[in-house]
Amino acid sequence: MRVPPGARRVSAVLAASAALAMVSGCGHSKQHAVAPPSTTTTTVAPTTTTTPRPVALCPLTHTPAPGGKVPQRTALAVKVENLPQARPQYGLDMADIVFEEPVEGGITRFIAVYQCYGSSRIEPVRSARLVDADILQPLGKILFAYSGAITPVLDEIDSPTSLLEDVGADRAGSAYTVDFARVAPHNLETSTSALYRAAKALGYSIKSVPPPYFAYGRLPAGGKRVSAVHIDFPLDVTSWAWDAQTGRWLRSYSDTGPAVQGDNVVISAHNVVILHVVEYPTPYVEDVNGAHENQLVLTGSGPAWIFRNGEEFTGTWHRPSLGSPAVFKEADGRTITLTPGNTWEELVPDTSAVVVSGAGQSGGPPS
């Protein structure tokens, strides 16, 4: 499995990462012509200036693209389960962005979005929800992988105006396999390569590079150094703890500890973005227990927390329409930017607490 720059892989023993910097220089030589007898002439080679070639950046992480070239392909979103029975997952560390959404019964589910890099194993794939289309709409046409959904959700995916290109298990079955070491329904797996092949076979256009979802920039002023943030989801407290050695936030759960994938990789993020949103039930029954599918209000504004570079920034999120991503503002109106790298966006019901620990003094000047 290829590891992206900026690095999403952190060992379960949390070994320190090492960064290598390469510095190259270029110059030019000066040649002197030999003058004929009785004359004195010196010829100096003209000075040339080499303009550095711009670095190609992945649109969803703002990190240098693999091999110096952004893959000319559509983004791919995969629904991944997050029940304790579904852990450990695979492939989340290779996603450019992961959205965590609350669903019925107090549980959460992930949308893992891939573009610059891929994963040879993504598991376990689970069902779609109505809110998925609202979350993903700013990315334009996007491949959407999932396993099953209730009728209103399928109608949304198949709508003529939908931006979701269906590569779900029912339509692109050849892209999925069963992990017989797991119990159904937590045992369906796929890969980015299999899903892109299936999309091509289905005749989808797969060469449209998505626009950026977040704004990136230098570390803003006004942040506070913190050690961790805890999200009080109904069934489990999810925590992100800052690890200075790796320069990432490490995920854990109150009931099971560190969020270690099946390949012994701790789930980590360069940015953790938390949005307080309004959650409300729809008329649609989601499961055999009679639980109704929920929806989220994702336009307008609300409280936001942005965690990057070991610091916390508080403010508000603003999203005027579903076609545009949210922007984050401090109280004085300044935009809160992210650091280049992968991002986890936590969509947290406004009834759930967000608790920060280890808060210290304000951070230093922008760097």
Protein backbone atom coordinates (compact mmCIF):
# COMPACT_ATOMS: atom_id res chain seq x y z
CA MET A 1 0.00 0.00 0.00
CA ARG A 2 1.43 3.33 -1.05
CA VAL A 3 1.86 5.91 1.70
CA PRO A 4 1.00 9.52 0.80
CA PRO A 5 3.27 12.42 1.60
CA GLY A 6 2.11 14.29 4.63
CA ALA A 7 1.57 10.91 5.83
CA ARG A 8 -1.40 9.25 7.14
CA ARG A 9 0.26 6.15 8.55
CA VAL A 10 1.13 6.06 12.26
CA SER A 11 2.24 2.82 13.92
CA ALA A 12 0.19 1.42 16.80
CA VAL A 13 3.12 1.97 19.11
CA LEU A 14 3.07 5.63 18.04
CA ALA A 15 6.68 5.68 16.88
CA ALA A 16 7.99 9.10 15.94
CA SER A 17 7.86 9.95 12.25
CA ALA A 18 10.94 11.28 10.47
CA ALA A 19 10.82 13.92 7.78
CA LEU A 20 13.38 14.17 5.02
CA ALA A 21 14.03 17.44 3.26
CA MET A 22 15.76 17.57 -0.05
CA VAL A 23 17.45 20.75 -1.09
CA SER A 24 18.75 21.09 -4.59
CA GLY A 25 20.63 23.92 -6.20
CA CYS A 26 21.43 24.90 -9.73
CA GLY A 27 24.00 27.23 -11.23
CA HIS A 28 25.58 28.21 -14.48
CA SER A 29 29.16 28.30 -15.72
CA LYS A 30 31.06 31.26 -17.16
CA GLN A 31 33.25 30.78 -20.26
CA HIS A 32 35.93 33.19 -21.55
CA ALA A 33 36.70 33.35 -25.26
CA VAL A 34 40.40 33.49 -26.32
CA ALA A 35 41.08 36.84 -28.00
CA PRO A 36 43.26 37.01 -31.14
CA PRO A 37 46.70 38.70 -30.87
CA SER A 38 46.69 42.51 -30.49
CA THR A 39 43.14 42.59 -29.06
CA THR A 40 41.72 42.09 -25.59
CA THR A 41 38.19 40.75 -25.53
CA THR A 42 36.31 38.98 -22.76
CA THR A 43 32.98 37.27 -23.40
CA VAL A 44 30.78 36.51 -20.41
CA ALA A 45 28.04 33.94 -20.63
CA PRO A 46 24.60 35.52 -20.19
CA THR A 47 23.03 35.18 -16.79
CA THR A 48 19.97 32.97 -16.79
CA THR A 49 17.23 32.70 -14.20
CA THR A 50 15.49 29.40 -13.69
CA THR A 51 11.88 29.73 -12.61
CA PRO A 52 10.90 26.87 -10.30
CA ARG A 53 8.12 24.72 -11.66
CA PRO A 54 4.96 25.04 -9.57
CA VAL A 55 4.31 22.09 -7.30
CA ALA A 56 1.17 20.12 -8.19
CA LEU A 57 -1.02 19.89 -5.10
CA CYS A 58 -3.72 17.35 -4.30
CA PRO A 59 -7.03 19.25 -4.32
CA LEU A 60 -8.43 17.72 -1.13
CA THR A 61 -5.30 17.83 1.05
CA HIS A 62 -3.12 20.61 -0.44
CA THR A 63 -0.12 18.28 -0.25
CA PRO A 64 2.29 17.55 -3.14
CA ALA A 65 0.71 15.16 -5.62
CA PRO A 66 2.17 11.66 -6.06
CA GLY A 67 4.87 11.71 -8.72
CA GLY A 68 4.35 15.45 -9.13
CA LYS A 69 1.05 15.07 -10.96
CA VAL A 70 -2.51 15.20 -9.66
CA PRO A 71 -4.42 12.08 -10.79
CA GLN A 72 -6.99 13.10 -13.40
CA ARG A 73 -9.85 11.29 -11.76
CA THR A 74 -13.11 11.95 -9.98
CA ALA A 75 -13.24 11.74 -6.21
CA LEU A 76 -14.57 8.50 -4.73
CA ALA A 77 -16.68 8.34 -1.55
CA VAL A 78 -17.14 5.10 0.39
CA LYS A 79 -19.55 4.52 3.29
CA VAL A 80 -17.73 2.75 6.15
CA GLU A 81 -19.29 1.37 9.30
CA ASN A 82 -18.33 2.43 12.83
CA LEU A 83 -20.14 0.10 15.21
CA PRO A 84 -17.80 -1.66 17.67
CA GLN A 85 -18.56 -4.90 15.77
CA ALA A 86 -17.21 -3.23 12.62
CA ARG A 87 -13.80 -2.50 14.11
CA PRO A 88 -11.05 -2.66 13.19
CA GLN A 89 -11.67 -0.93 9.89
CA TYR A 90 -9.35 -0.79 6.90
CA GLY A 91 -8.44 2.00 4.49
CA LEU A 92 -9.47 5.07 6.48
CA ASP A 93 -5.86 6.22 6.84
CA MET A 94 -5.53 6.57 3.04
CA ALA A 95 -8.55 8.85 2.57
CA ASP A 96 -8.06 12.54 1.83
CA ILE A 97 -11.14 13.46 3.88
CA VAL A 98 -13.31 11.46 6.25
CA PHE A 99 -16.72 12.75 7.34
CA GLU A 100 -18.25 11.33 10.50
CA GLU A 101 -22.03 11.63 10.52
CA PRO A 102 -24.54 10.76 13.24
CA VAL A 103 -27.19 8.29 12.13
CA GLU A 104 -30.14 6.61 13.85
CA GLY A 105 -29.80 5.07 17.30
CA GLY A 106 -26.96 7.34 18.41
CA ILE A 107 -24.36 5.60 16.24
CA THR A 108 -22.08 7.22 13.68
CA ARG A 109 -20.94 6.28 10.21
CA PHE A 110 -18.08 7.44 7.98
CA ILE A 111 -17.81 8.74 4.44
CA ALA A 112 -14.20 8.18 3.33
CA VAL A 113 -13.26 10.30 0.30
CA TYR A 114 -10.32 9.31 -1.92
CA GLN A 115 -8.75 11.17 -4.84
CA CYS A 116 -4.97 11.56 -4.85
CA TYR A 117 -4.30 8.19 -3.23
CA GLY A 118 -6.04 4.87 -3.08
CA SER A 119 -6.47 1.95 -0.73
CA SER A 120 -6.18 -1.71 -1.60
CA ARG A 121 -8.62 -2.58 1.16
CA ILE A 122 -11.61 -0.61 2.46
CA GLU A 123 -13.76 -2.38 5.04
CA PRO A 124 -16.51 -2.74 6.15
CA VAL A 125 -18.72 -1.04 3.56
CA ARG A 126 -22.25 -0.26 4.79
CA SER A 127 -25.47 1.46 3.77
CA ALA A 128 -26.14 4.99 2.51
CA ARG A 129 -28.14 7.78 4.15
CA LEU A 130 -30.01 10.84 2.83
CA VAL A 131 -27.49 13.22 4.37
CA ASP A 132 -24.62 11.76 2.31
CA ALA A 133 -25.59 13.70 -0.81
CA ASP A 134 -25.77 16.96 1.16
CA ILE A 135 -22.32 16.45 2.64
CA LEU A 136 -20.69 15.57 -0.68
CA GLN A 137 -22.40 18.06 -2.99
CA PRO A 138 -19.53 20.64 -3.02
CA LEU A 139 -17.28 17.98 -4.64
CA GLY A 140 -19.40 17.87 -7.79
CA LYS A 141 -19.85 14.57 -9.59
CA ILE A 142 -18.46 11.89 -7.32
CA LEU A 143 -18.39 8.09 -7.30
CA PHE A 144 -20.42 6.76 -4.40
CA ALA A 145 -19.81 3.29 -2.94
CA TYR A 146 -22.15 1.76 -0.38
CA SER A 147 -24.04 -1.42 0.46
CA GLY A 148 -27.81 -1.04 0.47
CA ALA A 149 -30.18 1.75 1.44
CA ILE A 150 -33.87 2.36 2.07
CA THR A 151 -36.05 3.37 -0.89
CA PRO A 152 -36.02 7.18 -0.32
CA VAL A 153 -32.21 7.11 -0.28
CA LEU A 154 -32.01 5.01 -3.46
CA ASP A 155 -34.43 7.43 -5.12
CA GLU A 156 -32.13 10.30 -4.14
CA ILE A 157 -29.06 8.54 -5.56
CA ASP A 158 -30.85 7.69 -8.81
CA SER A 159 -32.41 11.14 -9.21
CA PRO A 160 -31.62 12.88 -12.54
CA THR A 161 -30.19 15.80 -10.58
CA SER A 162 -28.03 13.66 -8.30
CA LEU A 163 -24.27 14.20 -8.32
CA LEU A 164 -23.67 10.70 -6.90
CA GLU A 165 -22.45 8.18 -9.47
CA ASP A 166 -23.68 4.84 -8.13
CA VAL A 167 -20.96 2.22 -7.66
CA GLY A 168 -22.80 0.56 -4.78
CA ALA A 169 -22.73 -3.17 -4.16
CA ASP A 170 -26.01 -3.75 -6.02
CA ARG A 171 -24.86 -1.97 -9.17
CA ALA A 172 -21.12 -2.70 -9.16
CA GLY A 173 -21.07 -6.07 -7.43
CA SER A 174 -17.81 -7.18 -9.03
CA ALA A 175 -15.97 -4.47 -7.08
CA TYR A 176 -16.83 -6.07 -3.72
CA THR A 177 -15.72 -9.20 -1.92
CA VAL A 178 -16.70 -10.86 1.34
CA ASP A 179 -14.28 -11.11 4.26
CA PHE A 180 -15.12 -14.56 5.60
CA ALA A 181 -13.19 -13.84 8.80
CA ARG A 182 -15.99 -11.45 9.79
CA VAL A 183 -19.67 -11.86 10.53
CA ALA A 184 -22.27 -10.31 8.21
CA PRO A 185 -23.18 -7.51 7.71
CA HIS A 186 -19.79 -6.23 8.86
CA ASN A 187 -17.79 -8.16 6.27
CA LEU A 188 -18.04 -6.42 2.88
CA GLU A 189 -14.81 -5.04 1.48
CA THR A 190 -13.65 -3.24 -1.65
CA SER A 191 -10.74 -1.17 -2.97
CA THR A 192 -10.34 2.10 -4.81
CA SER A 193 -8.91 0.38 -7.90
CA ALA A 194 -11.85 -2.04 -8.09
CA LEU A 195 -14.34 0.81 -7.75
CA TYR A 196 -12.69 2.96 -10.43
CA ARG A 197 -12.68 -0.05 -12.78
CA ALA A 198 -16.36 -0.63 -12.06
CA ALA A 199 -17.16 3.03 -12.71
CA LYS A 200 -15.41 2.88 -16.06
CA ALA A 201 -17.29 -0.29 -17.00
CA LEU A 202 -20.58 1.43 -16.09
CA GLY A 203 -19.75 4.28 -18.45
CA TYR A 204 -19.31 6.99 -15.86
CA SER A 205 -17.07 9.95 -16.57
CA ILE A 206 -14.23 9.53 -14.08
CA LYS A 207 -11.68 12.18 -15.11
CA SER A 208 -13.12 15.26 -13.42
CA VAL A 209 -10.79 16.46 -10.63
CA PRO A 210 -12.83 17.79 -7.67
CA PRO A 211 -12.54 21.34 -6.36
CA PRO A 212 -10.99 21.91 -2.92
CA TYR A 213 -13.31 21.29 0.01
CA PHE A 214 -11.30 23.27 2.59
CA ALA A 215 -9.15 26.41 2.63
CA TYR A 216 -5.49 25.93 3.63
CA GLY A 217 -3.01 28.46 4.93
CA ARG A 218 -0.43 29.45 7.50
CA LEU A 219 -1.15 28.86 11.17
CA PRO A 220 -3.53 31.66 12.20
CA ALA A 221 -2.97 33.77 15.28
CA GLY A 222 -5.20 33.30 18.29
CA GLY A 223 -5.06 29.52 18.67
CA LYS A 224 -4.75 27.78 22.02
CA ARG A 225 -2.47 24.83 22.59
CA VAL A 226 -4.50 21.79 23.65
CA SER A 227 -3.83 18.12 24.29
CA ALA A 228 -7.14 16.57 23.20
CA VAL A 229 -10.75 17.07 22.23
CA HIS A 230 -13.57 14.72 23.26
CA ILE A 231 -16.87 14.38 21.39
CA ASP A 232 -19.71 13.00 23.48
CA PHE A 233 -21.57 10.95 20.89
CA PRO A 234 -24.52 9.09 22.50
CA LEU A 235 -23.02 5.58 22.36
CA ASP A 236 -19.35 6.38 22.79
CA VAL A 237 -16.99 9.28 23.48
CA THR A 238 -14.68 9.81 20.53
CA SER A 239 -11.37 11.53 21.31
CA TRP A 240 -8.61 13.10 19.25
CA ALA A 241 -5.30 13.57 21.10
CA TRP A 242 -2.41 15.65 19.79
CA ASP A 243 0.81 13.72 19.23
CA ALA A 244 3.72 16.14 18.83
CA GLN A 245 6.11 13.43 17.62
CA THR A 246 4.05 12.64 14.55
CA GLY A 247 2.40 16.03 14.19
CA ARG A 248 -1.07 14.49 14.03
CA TRP A 249 -4.23 14.03 16.03
CA LEU A 250 -4.71 10.38 17.06
CA ARG A 251 -8.19 8.91 17.34
CA SER A 252 -9.48 6.79 20.23
CA TYR A 253 -12.71 5.59 21.83
CA SER A 254 -13.72 5.62 25.49
CA ASP A 255 -14.80 1.97 25.36
CA THR A 256 -12.04 0.38 23.26
CA GLY A 257 -9.03 2.69 23.39
CA PRO A 258 -6.87 3.70 20.38
CA ALA A 259 -8.58 3.46 16.98
CA VAL A 260 -6.22 0.91 15.46
CA GLN A 261 -7.01 -0.38 11.98
CA GLY A 262 -6.76 -4.03 10.99
CA ASP A 263 -3.32 -3.37 9.52
CA ASN A 264 -2.07 -2.05 12.88
CA VAL A 265 -2.25 1.61 11.81
CA VAL A 266 -3.68 4.14 14.25
CA ILE A 267 -6.24 6.42 12.63
CA SER A 268 -4.83 9.95 12.58
CA ALA A 269 -5.50 13.34 11.05
CA HIS A 270 -3.62 16.55 10.38
CA ASN A 271 -6.86 18.48 10.88
CA VAL A 272 -9.93 17.75 12.98
CA VAL A 273 -12.90 19.99 12.18
CA ILE A 274 -15.99 19.86 14.40
CA LEU A 275 -19.31 21.40 13.41
CA HIS A 276 -22.26 21.62 15.78
CA VAL A 277 -25.33 20.94 13.60
CA VAL A 278 -29.06 20.47 14.10
CA GLU A 279 -30.24 16.86 13.81
CA TYR A 280 -33.88 15.91 13.27
CA PRO A 281 -35.79 12.70 12.43
CA THR A 282 -37.26 12.08 8.98
CA PRO A 283 -40.51 10.15 8.37
CA TYR A 284 -38.51 7.22 6.96
CA VAL A 285 -38.00 4.06 9.00
CA GLU A 286 -34.41 2.90 8.68
CA ASP A 287 -34.22 -0.47 10.45
CA VAL A 288 -36.22 -3.38 11.84
CA ASN A 289 -36.26 -1.75 15.26
CA GLY A 290 -38.37 1.06 13.90
CA ALA A 291 -35.70 3.74 14.19
CA HIS A 292 -36.24 6.66 11.85
CA GLU A 293 -33.46 7.95 9.64
CA ASN A 294 -32.15 11.33 10.75
CA GLN A 295 -31.23 14.39 8.73
CA LEU A 296 -28.85 17.26 9.45
CA VAL A 297 -29.21 20.97 8.79
CA LEU A 298 -26.00 21.74 6.88
CA THR A 299 -26.72 25.24 5.63
CA GLY A 300 -26.66 28.45 7.60
CA SER A 301 -24.16 28.72 10.44
CA GLY A 302 -23.25 27.28 13.81
CA PRO A 303 -20.42 26.77 16.31
CA ALA A 304 -17.18 25.27 14.97
CA TRP A 305 -13.91 24.01 16.42
CA ILE A 306 -10.82 23.60 14.24
CA PHE A 307 -7.83 21.64 15.53
CA ARG A 308 -4.52 21.89 13.66
CA ASN A 309 -0.84 21.94 14.59
CA GLY A 310 -1.62 21.14 18.22
CA GLU A 311 -3.86 24.17 18.59
CA GLU A 312 -7.59 24.85 18.92
CA PHE A 313 -9.41 27.59 17.04
CA THR A 314 -13.02 28.36 17.90
CA GLY A 315 -15.49 30.21 15.76
CA THR A 316 -18.45 29.57 13.49
CA TRP A 317 -19.08 27.62 10.32
CA HIS A 318 -20.92 29.30 7.45
CA ARG A 319 -22.46 27.45 4.51
CA PRO A 320 -24.91 29.49 2.42
CA SER A 321 -25.91 26.59 0.17
CA LEU A 322 -25.35 22.85 -0.17
CA GLY A 323 -23.37 23.48 -3.34
CA SER A 324 -20.55 25.17 -1.44
CA PRO A 325 -18.46 23.87 1.45
CA ALA A 326 -18.49 25.48 4.87
CA VAL A 327 -16.01 28.21 5.69
CA PHE A 328 -14.79 28.84 9.23
CA LYS A 329 -14.55 32.26 10.83
CA GLU A 330 -13.13 33.53 14.11
CA ALA A 331 -15.15 36.00 16.17
CA ASP A 332 -13.38 38.94 14.49
CA GLY A 333 -14.27 37.64 11.02
CA ARG A 334 -10.89 36.21 10.11
CA THR A 335 -10.93 32.93 8.17
CA ILE A 336 -9.63 29.85 9.97
CA THR A 337 -7.57 27.80 7.55
CA LEU A 338 -6.34 24.22 7.75
CA THR A 339 -2.84 22.81 7.55
CA PRO A 340 -2.02 20.69 4.47
CA GLY A 341 -2.85 17.03 5.05
CA ASN A 342 -5.82 14.76 5.63
CA THR A 343 -8.87 16.04 7.48
CA TRP A 344 -11.63 14.49 9.57
CA GLU A 345 -14.81 16.52 9.69
CA GLU A 346 -17.03 15.67 12.66
CA LEU A 347 -20.70 16.53 12.21
CA VAL A 348 -21.85 16.61 15.81
CA PRO A 349 -25.49 17.09 16.94
CA ASP A 350 -25.84 20.31 18.91
CA THR A 351 -27.14 18.21 21.80
CA SER A 352 -23.74 16.49 22.14
CA ALA A 353 -20.95 18.07 24.17
CA VAL A 354 -17.54 18.95 22.76
CA VAL A 355 -14.95 19.05 25.56
CA VAL A 356 -11.36 20.23 25.15
CA SER A 357 -8.66 19.14 27.58
CA GLY A 358 -5.18 20.42 28.30
CA ALA A 359 -5.93 23.93 27.06
CA GLY A 360 -2.92 26.19 27.44
CA GLN A 361 -1.89 29.67 26.44
CA SER A 362 -2.49 31.17 23.05
CA GLY A 363 -0.22 29.82 20.36
CA GLY A 364 2.64 31.69 18.84
CA PRO A 365 2.65 33.93 15.78
CA PRO A 366 1.67 32.49 12.40
CA SER A 367 4.31 30.21 10.95
